[in-house]
Every structure is written in structure tokens, then in C-alpha cells.
């Protein structure tokens, strides 16, 4: 699955997080986050678990392209 970058960046902004802080909160590397956001790699279970951890009050489905 691919991430909707616009939605993801809007949520990051809402929480006041930058790329590095977001990756840290998700327990992933900054380079892995970059690959996901630029559609160089599909989001897997580690990324999804990180989304839940970093953004527990946001709807998980909203982050993914349809």
C-alpha cells in the first residue's frame, strides 16, 4: 500500500512534527520514511505499526491511497 503524502504531511503538521521526529516516534529510520513518502517502497506492517504508535488518535485508513 502507498501512503497519501499530502494527508501524512498534514497530520505531521497538525502534531508539530518534522520528518526526523516523526520517524523517531514511529520507531523507523528517516530513510525508510522518505522511501515510503516518495513511493519508492510500499508501506508494510512495521510502518503501519509506527503510524498507530505515533498517531493513535488519527484514522489509520486516512493515511493510505485508495
C-alpha atoms as a PDB file:
ATOM      1  CA  UNK A   1       0.000   0.000   0.000  1.00  0.00           C
ATOM      2  CA  UNK A   2       1.109   3.501  -0.703  1.00  0.00           C
ATOM      3  CA  UNK A   3       0.804   6.460   1.631  1.00  0.00           C
ATOM      4  CA  UNK A   4      -1.122   9.603   0.754  1.00  0.00           C
ATOM      5  CA  UNK A   5       1.751  12.019   1.254  1.00  0.00           C
ATOM      6  CA  UNK A   6      -0.470  15.091   1.488  1.00  0.00           C
ATOM      7  CA  UNK A   7      -2.570  13.563   4.276  1.00  0.00           C
ATOM      8  CA  UNK A   8       0.541  12.304   6.075  1.00  0.00           C
ATOM      9  CA  UNK A   9       2.232  15.705   5.948  1.00  0.00           C
ATOM     10  CA  UNK A  10      -0.963  17.436   7.115  1.00  0.00           C
ATOM     11  CA  UNK A  11      -1.105  15.139  10.154  1.00  0.00           C
ATOM     12  CA  UNK A  12       2.594  15.727  10.863  1.00  0.00           C
ATOM     13  CA  UNK A  13       1.994  19.478  10.740  1.00  0.00           C
ATOM     14  CA  UNK A  14      -1.064  19.170  12.980  1.00  0.00           C
ATOM     15  CA  UNK A  15       1.106  17.453  15.596  1.00  0.00           C
ATOM     16  CA  UNK A  16       4.040  19.808  15.053  1.00  0.00           C
ATOM     17  CA  UNK A  17       6.401  17.016  13.940  1.00  0.00           C
ATOM     18  CA  UNK A  18       9.149  17.162  11.337  1.00  0.00           C
ATOM     19  CA  UNK A  19      10.363  14.188   9.309  1.00  0.00           C
ATOM     20  CA  UNK A  20      13.081  13.197  11.782  1.00  0.00           C
ATOM     21  CA  UNK A  21      10.807  13.459  14.820  1.00  0.00           C
ATOM     22  CA  UNK A  22       8.039  11.537  13.054  1.00  0.00           C
ATOM     23  CA  UNK A  23      10.403   8.707  12.106  1.00  0.00           C
ATOM     24  CA  UNK A  24      11.647   8.567  15.680  1.00  0.00           C
ATOM     25  CA  UNK A  25       8.109   8.428  17.105  1.00  0.00           C
ATOM     26  CA  UNK A  26       7.277   5.657  14.619  1.00  0.00           C
ATOM     27  CA  UNK A  27      10.441   3.680  15.522  1.00  0.00           C
ATOM     28  CA  UNK A  28      11.603   3.651  11.910  1.00  0.00           C
ATOM     29  CA  UNK A  29      14.562   5.256  10.165  1.00  0.00           C
ATOM     30  CA  UNK A  30      14.284   8.585   8.450  1.00  0.00           C
ATOM     31  CA  UNK A  31      15.395   6.973   5.174  1.00  0.00           C
ATOM     32  CA  UNK A  32      12.642   4.334   5.398  1.00  0.00           C
ATOM     33  CA  UNK A  33      10.067   7.096   5.966  1.00  0.00           C
ATOM     34  CA  UNK A  34      11.454   9.015   2.982  1.00  0.00           C
ATOM     35  CA  UNK A  35      11.149   5.923   0.767  1.00  0.00           C
ATOM     36  CA  UNK A  36       7.530   5.413   1.833  1.00  0.00           C
ATOM     37  CA  UNK A  37       6.567   9.063   1.323  1.00  0.00           C
ATOM     38  CA  UNK A  38       8.179   9.135  -2.120  1.00  0.00           C
ATOM     39  CA  UNK A  39       6.578   5.841  -3.195  1.00  0.00           C
ATOM     40  CA  UNK A  40       9.952   4.135  -3.575  1.00  0.00           C
ATOM     41  CA  UNK A  41       8.699   1.400  -1.244  1.00  0.00           C
ATOM     42  CA  UNK A  42       5.274   0.198  -0.165  1.00  0.00           C
ATOM     43  CA  UNK A  43       4.214   0.575   3.452  1.00  0.00           C
ATOM     44  CA  UNK A  44       4.443  -2.668   5.371  1.00  0.00           C
ATOM     45  CA  UNK A  45       3.482  -3.871   8.818  1.00  0.00           C
ATOM     46  CA  UNK A  46       6.376  -2.078  10.561  1.00  0.00           C
ATOM     47  CA  UNK A  47       5.298   1.224   9.025  1.00  0.00           C
ATOM     48  CA  UNK A  48       1.651   0.622   9.887  1.00  0.00           C
ATOM     49  CA  UNK A  49       2.551  -0.210  13.487  1.00  0.00           C
ATOM     50  CA  UNK A  50       4.556   3.013  13.595  1.00  0.00           C
ATOM     51  CA  UNK A  51       1.572   5.014  12.358  1.00  0.00           C
ATOM     52  CA  UNK A  52      -0.556   3.620  15.159  1.00  0.00           C
ATOM     53  CA  UNK A  53       2.151   4.401  17.703  1.00  0.00           C
ATOM     54  CA  UNK A  54       2.871   7.967  16.503  1.00  0.00           C
ATOM     55  CA  UNK A  55      -0.696   8.976  15.625  1.00  0.00           C
ATOM     56  CA  UNK A  56      -3.025   6.902  17.839  1.00  0.00           C
ATOM     57  CA  UNK A  57      -5.962   9.319  17.533  1.00  0.00           C
ATOM     58  CA  UNK A  58      -5.922   9.546  13.729  1.00  0.00           C
ATOM     59  CA  UNK A  59      -7.808   7.155  11.469  1.00  0.00           C
ATOM     60  CA  UNK A  60      -5.353   4.652  10.028  1.00  0.00           C
ATOM     61  CA  UNK A  61      -7.235   4.315   6.740  1.00  0.00           C
ATOM     62  CA  UNK A  62      -6.892   8.028   6.016  1.00  0.00           C
ATOM     63  CA  UNK A  63      -3.118   7.684   5.530  1.00  0.00           C
ATOM     64  CA  UNK A  64      -3.340   5.290   2.569  1.00  0.00           C
ATOM     65  CA  UNK A  65      -4.111   5.980  -1.080  1.00  0.00           C
ATOM     66  CA  UNK A  66      -7.250   4.376  -2.394  1.00  0.00           C
END
